[in-house]
Protein backbone atom coordinates (compact mmCIF):
# COMPACT_ATOMS: atom_id res chain seq x y z
CA UNK A 1 -7.41 -37.16 -13.38
CA UNK A 2 -4.72 -35.45 -11.61
CA UNK A 3 -3.49 -33.27 -14.23
CA UNK A 4 -6.08 -30.62 -13.46
CA UNK A 5 -4.34 -29.67 -10.48
CA UNK A 6 -0.71 -30.81 -11.61
CA UNK A 7 -1.46 -28.29 -14.25
CA UNK A 8 -2.70 -25.77 -11.22
CA UNK A 9 0.80 -26.17 -9.49
CA UNK A 10 2.91 -25.96 -12.45
CA UNK A 11 0.78 -23.03 -13.53
CA UNK A 12 1.64 -21.65 -9.57
CA UNK A 13 5.32 -22.43 -9.43
CA UNK A 14 5.97 -20.27 -12.61
CA UNK A 15 4.15 -17.49 -11.26
CA UNK A 16 5.98 -18.34 -7.44
CA UNK A 17 8.94 -17.43 -9.39
CA UNK A 18 8.15 -14.65 -11.19
CA UNK A 19 6.55 -12.32 -8.55
CA UNK A 20 9.84 -13.20 -5.99
CA UNK A 21 11.60 -11.34 -8.75
CA UNK A 22 9.97 -8.68 -8.56
CA UNK A 23 9.78 -8.61 -5.28
CA UNK A 24 14.10 -9.49 -5.60
CA UNK A 25 14.20 -6.55 -7.32
CA UNK A 26 11.82 -3.49 -5.89
CA UNK A 27 11.33 -4.89 -2.06
CA UNK A 28 7.81 -3.41 -2.08
CA UNK A 29 5.87 -5.39 0.33
CA UNK A 30 2.77 -5.76 -1.91
CA UNK A 31 4.71 -8.07 -3.56
CA UNK A 32 6.37 -9.95 -0.33
CA UNK A 33 2.54 -10.27 0.18
CA UNK A 34 1.79 -11.55 -3.34
CA UNK A 35 4.89 -13.65 -3.69
CA UNK A 36 3.57 -15.27 -0.12
CA UNK A 37 -0.43 -15.62 -0.75
CA UNK A 38 0.77 -17.36 -4.10
CA UNK A 39 3.36 -19.87 -2.24
CA UNK A 40 0.44 -20.46 -0.31
CA UNK A 41 -1.38 -21.82 -3.13
CA UNK A 42 1.29 -23.81 -4.98
CA UNK A 43 1.84 -25.80 -1.10
CA UNK A 44 -2.10 -25.83 -1.05
CA UNK A 45 -2.49 -27.51 -4.91
CA UNK A 46 0.87 -29.71 -4.13
CA UNK A 47 -0.92 -31.46 -1.07
CA UNK A 48 -4.78 -31.29 -2.55
CA UNK A 49 -2.01 -33.95 -5.26
CA UNK A 50 -1.23 -35.58 -2.40
CA UNK A 51 -4.21 -35.83 -1.02
CA UNK A 52 -6.02 -37.66 -4.19
CA UNK A 53 -2.27 -39.80 -4.63
CA UNK A 54 -3.24 -40.69 -1.34
CA UNK A 55 -6.52 -42.04 -1.42
CA UNK A 56 -7.23 -38.91 1.43
CA UNK A 57 -4.33 -38.38 3.47
CA UNK A 58 -6.70 -36.09 5.86
CA UNK A 59 -3.43 -34.43 6.69
CA UNK A 60 -2.24 -33.23 3.53
CA UNK A 61 -6.20 -32.08 3.18
CA UNK A 62 -5.37 -29.73 6.03
CA UNK A 63 -2.57 -28.27 4.44
CA UNK A 64 -3.91 -28.19 1.42
CA UNK A 65 -7.58 -25.88 3.02
CA UNK A 66 -5.64 -23.70 5.15
CA UNK A 67 -3.01 -22.63 2.42
CA UNK A 68 -5.40 -22.50 -0.21
CA UNK A 69 -9.30 -21.84 1.61
CA UNK A 70 -8.04 -19.48 4.57
CA UNK A 71 -4.81 -17.74 3.92
CA UNK A 72 -5.19 -16.93 -0.24
CA UNK A 73 -7.61 -14.40 -0.26
CA UNK A 74 -6.57 -12.67 2.75
CA UNK A 75 -2.79 -12.31 1.31
CA UNK A 76 -4.39 -10.22 -1.86
CA UNK A 77 -6.04 -8.24 0.07
CA UNK A 78 -3.00 -6.95 2.37
CA UNK A 79 -0.92 -6.82 -1.14
CA UNK A 80 -3.77 -4.26 -2.32
CA UNK A 81 -3.73 -2.60 0.59
CA UNK A 82 -0.12 -2.18 0.52
CA UNK A 83 -1.19 0.05 -2.79
CA UNK A 84 -2.76 2.45 -0.62
CA UNK A 85 -1.35 5.63 0.67
CA UNK A 86 -1.58 4.77 4.56
CA UNK A 87 0.22 1.29 5.58
CA UNK A 88 -1.50 0.89 8.75
CA UNK A 89 -4.61 -0.85 6.84
CA UNK A 90 -2.52 -3.31 5.49
CA UNK A 91 -0.85 -3.93 8.95
CA UNK A 92 -4.52 -4.15 10.29
CA UNK A 93 -5.26 -6.92 7.24
CA UNK A 94 -2.02 -8.69 7.93
CA UNK A 95 -2.95 -9.43 11.51
CA UNK A 96 -6.50 -10.48 11.24
CA UNK A 97 -5.08 -12.86 8.95
CA UNK A 98 -2.36 -13.70 11.15
CA UNK A 99 -5.05 -14.30 14.01
CA UNK A 100 -7.08 -16.20 11.67
CA UNK A 101 -4.72 -18.67 10.61
CA UNK A 102 -3.64 -19.22 14.11
CA UNK A 103 -7.76 -20.05 14.61
CA UNK A 104 -8.17 -22.01 11.71
CA UNK A 105 -4.64 -24.45 12.12
CA UNK A 106 -5.24 -24.83 15.49
CA UNK A 107 -8.98 -26.06 14.61
CA UNK A 108 -7.87 -28.16 11.41
CA UNK A 109 -4.82 -30.01 13.84
CA UNK A 110 -7.95 -30.82 16.72
CA UNK A 111 -10.78 -30.97 15.37
CA UNK A 112 -11.68 -34.12 12.92
CA UNK A 113 -12.57 -33.98 9.58
CA UNK A 114 -15.43 -36.14 7.61
CA UNK A 115 -13.99 -38.61 6.45
CA UNK A 116 -16.81 -39.74 4.38
CA UNK A 117 -16.08 -36.60 2.04
CA UNK A 118 -13.08 -36.38 2.20
CA UNK A 119 -13.32 -40.42 0.38
CA UNK A 120 -15.54 -38.59 -2.24
CA UNK A 121 -13.40 -35.36 -3.33
CA UNK A 122 -14.12 -36.16 -6.55
CA UNK A 123 -11.24 -33.61 -7.48
CA UNK A 124 -13.59 -30.98 -6.52
CA UNK A 125 -13.18 -28.30 -3.28
CA UNK A 126 -14.16 -29.97 -0.72
CA UNK A 127 -16.78 -28.71 0.59
CA UNK A 128 -18.41 -30.60 3.47
CA UNK A 129 -14.29 -31.93 4.50
CA UNK A 130 -13.79 -29.72 7.28
CA UNK A 131 -17.21 -28.75 9.48
CA UNK A 132 -15.98 -27.13 12.26
CA UNK A 133 -17.16 -24.28 13.34
CA UNK A 134 -14.38 -22.08 14.23
CA UNK A 135 -12.18 -23.02 11.26
CA UNK A 136 -15.21 -22.03 8.89
CA UNK A 137 -16.11 -18.46 10.82
CA UNK A 138 -11.92 -18.05 10.11
CA UNK A 139 -12.95 -19.20 6.43
CA UNK A 140 -15.33 -16.82 6.62
CA UNK A 141 -13.69 -13.80 8.30
CA UNK A 142 -10.55 -13.86 5.75
CA UNK A 143 -11.67 -14.45 2.58
CA UNK A 144 -14.22 -11.52 3.29
CA UNK A 145 -11.42 -9.14 4.41
CA UNK A 146 -9.36 -10.03 1.95
CA UNK A 147 -11.89 -9.71 -1.06
CA UNK A 148 -13.12 -6.61 0.51
CA UNK A 149 -9.74 -5.03 0.09
CA UNK A 150 -8.54 -5.82 -3.18
CA UNK A 151 -12.49 -4.45 -4.73
CA UNK A 152 -11.57 -1.52 -2.08
CA UNK A 153 -8.23 -0.74 -3.60
CA UNK A 154 -9.31 -1.52 -7.20
CA UNK A 155 -11.97 0.79 -7.61
CA UNK A 156 -9.91 3.26 -5.38
CA UNK A 157 -7.42 3.47 -8.15
CA UNK A 158 -10.25 3.80 -10.70
CA UNK A 159 -11.69 7.11 -9.12
CA UNK A 160 -8.12 8.08 -8.65
CA UNK A 161 -7.46 7.87 -12.65
CA UNK A 162 -10.79 9.33 -13.27
CA UNK A 163 -11.13 12.99 -11.02
CA UNK A 164 -7.18 12.77 -10.58
CA UNK A 165 -5.74 11.72 -14.09
CA UNK A 166 -4.26 8.74 -11.80
CA UNK A 167 -2.17 6.47 -14.47
CA UNK A 168 -4.84 3.52 -16.31
CA UNK A 169 -1.98 1.32 -16.01
CA UNK A 170 -2.74 1.21 -12.06
CA UNK A 171 -6.74 0.87 -13.46
CA UNK A 172 -5.30 -1.98 -15.07
CA UNK A 173 -4.04 -4.22 -12.75
CA UNK A 174 -6.34 -3.83 -9.49
CA UNK A 175 -8.75 -4.63 -11.87
CA UNK A 176 -6.94 -7.88 -13.33
CA UNK A 177 -5.76 -8.84 -10.04
CA UNK A 178 -9.50 -7.97 -8.25
CA UNK A 179 -11.06 -9.75 -11.80
CA UNK A 180 -8.90 -13.14 -10.65
CA UNK A 181 -9.48 -12.46 -6.73
CA UNK A 182 -12.84 -13.72 -7.43
CA UNK A 183 -12.53 -16.11 -10.02
CA UNK A 184 -10.42 -18.06 -7.44
CA UNK A 185 -13.68 -17.38 -4.83
CA UNK A 186 -16.19 -17.99 -7.32
CA UNK A 187 -14.26 -21.31 -8.14
CA UNK A 188 -15.50 -24.04 -5.88
CA UNK A 189 -19.32 -22.83 -6.47
CA UNK A 190 -18.99 -23.46 -9.68
CA UNK A 191 -17.26 -26.57 -9.26
CA UNK A 192 -20.67 -28.01 -6.89
CA UNK A 193 -22.07 -27.17 -10.24
CA UNK A 194 -20.87 -29.62 -12.05
CA UNK A 195 -17.02 -31.64 -11.26
CA UNK A 196 -13.55 -31.19 -10.69
CA UNK A 197 -12.65 -30.72 -13.82
CA UNK A 198 -14.31 -27.30 -13.37
CA UNK A 199 -12.89 -26.24 -9.96
CA UNK A 200 -9.35 -26.67 -11.08
CA UNK A 201 -9.27 -25.58 -14.44
CA UNK A 202 -11.35 -22.35 -13.83
CA UNK A 203 -8.14 -21.62 -10.46
CA UNK A 204 -5.76 -22.24 -12.70
CA UNK A 205 -7.70 -19.00 -14.89
CA UNK A 206 -8.20 -16.78 -12.01
CA UNK A 207 -4.11 -17.83 -11.16
CA UNK A 208 -2.96 -16.26 -15.02
CA UNK A 209 -5.67 -13.11 -14.59
CA UNK A 210 -4.01 -12.29 -11.02
CA UNK A 211 -0.63 -12.53 -12.51
CA UNK A 212 -1.45 -10.04 -15.47
CA UNK A 213 -2.68 -7.59 -12.49
CA UNK A 214 0.77 -8.20 -10.94
CA UNK A 215 2.93 -7.85 -14.36
CA UNK A 216 1.55 -4.97 -14.49
CA UNK A 217 1.58 -2.80 -11.63
CA UNK A 218 5.05 -3.57 -11.92
CA UNK A 219 4.94 -2.90 -15.45
CA UNK A 220 3.52 1.14 -14.42
CA UNK A 221 5.88 1.18 -10.45
CA UNK A 222 8.21 1.11 -12.51
CA UNK A 223 11.27 3.89 -12.22
CA UNK A 224 11.82 5.63 -15.12
CA UNK A 225 15.50 5.20 -16.06
CA UNK A 226 18.14 7.90 -16.75
CA UNK A 227 20.10 8.53 -20.03
CA UNK A 228 23.51 8.21 -19.53
CA UNK A 229 24.98 10.39 -19.16
CA UNK A 230 28.18 11.26 -22.56
C-alpha cells in the first residue's frame, strides 16, 4: 500500500529536478516559485511515507501537512502571479503565504493532533487529524488565494490570446497549471469517497498535468536562437 505515496514521491522528485533545471538556466522568479512548490510537495510526500511506516508519527505528519496542505497551492499561485506584468501581486501573495505558513507552523507545533484520526489514515489525506482553528484558517486562506491566482492568470492568458493575438502556448501552459492545481485540490475530496489509493493516484496525475504546463511555458518563452555568422 505504501507504494502509492512512494510513486508520487518518485514523480515529484523527477519533476522537481526538471523545473529546477529550468530555473538554473533561465533564473526566472516564477520557475523558482514552482520549484519550491514541487520541493515542498516532495518533502510532504516523503514525510507521509514516514508517517505510514512508523505507525503514525505525529511530527512527520506535521511536516506532511505543512508541506502539502499549506504551501503547495499558494506557491503555485506565486509562480503564476510572477507571469503578470506587475510583480507586486506576486510579492503580495508571497507575503501572505509566508504569514500563513508561520501561523500554521506555530499552530502545528504547539497544538495537539487528533491521535485517533492519525491512527486511521488508510492512505487518505489525513482529514480530521488537524483540528486547530488557526491552522485550518491558514490553510483555507493560503489555498484559496493560491488557486485564485493560478486560475486568474490562466483566464488572463486566454483573453490575451483571443483579443490581443498573444501566443496560445501561454494559454495551454497556464491552463494545464490551473487544471493540475485543481486536480490536486480535489484529491482530498475524492479520497473521502473511497480509499487512499484514489488520493495518491489523483495527486500523481495532478502533478504530471502541472509539469506539462511548466514545460509548455518554458518552451514558449525560450529565447530565439541566432544564426551563427559565417
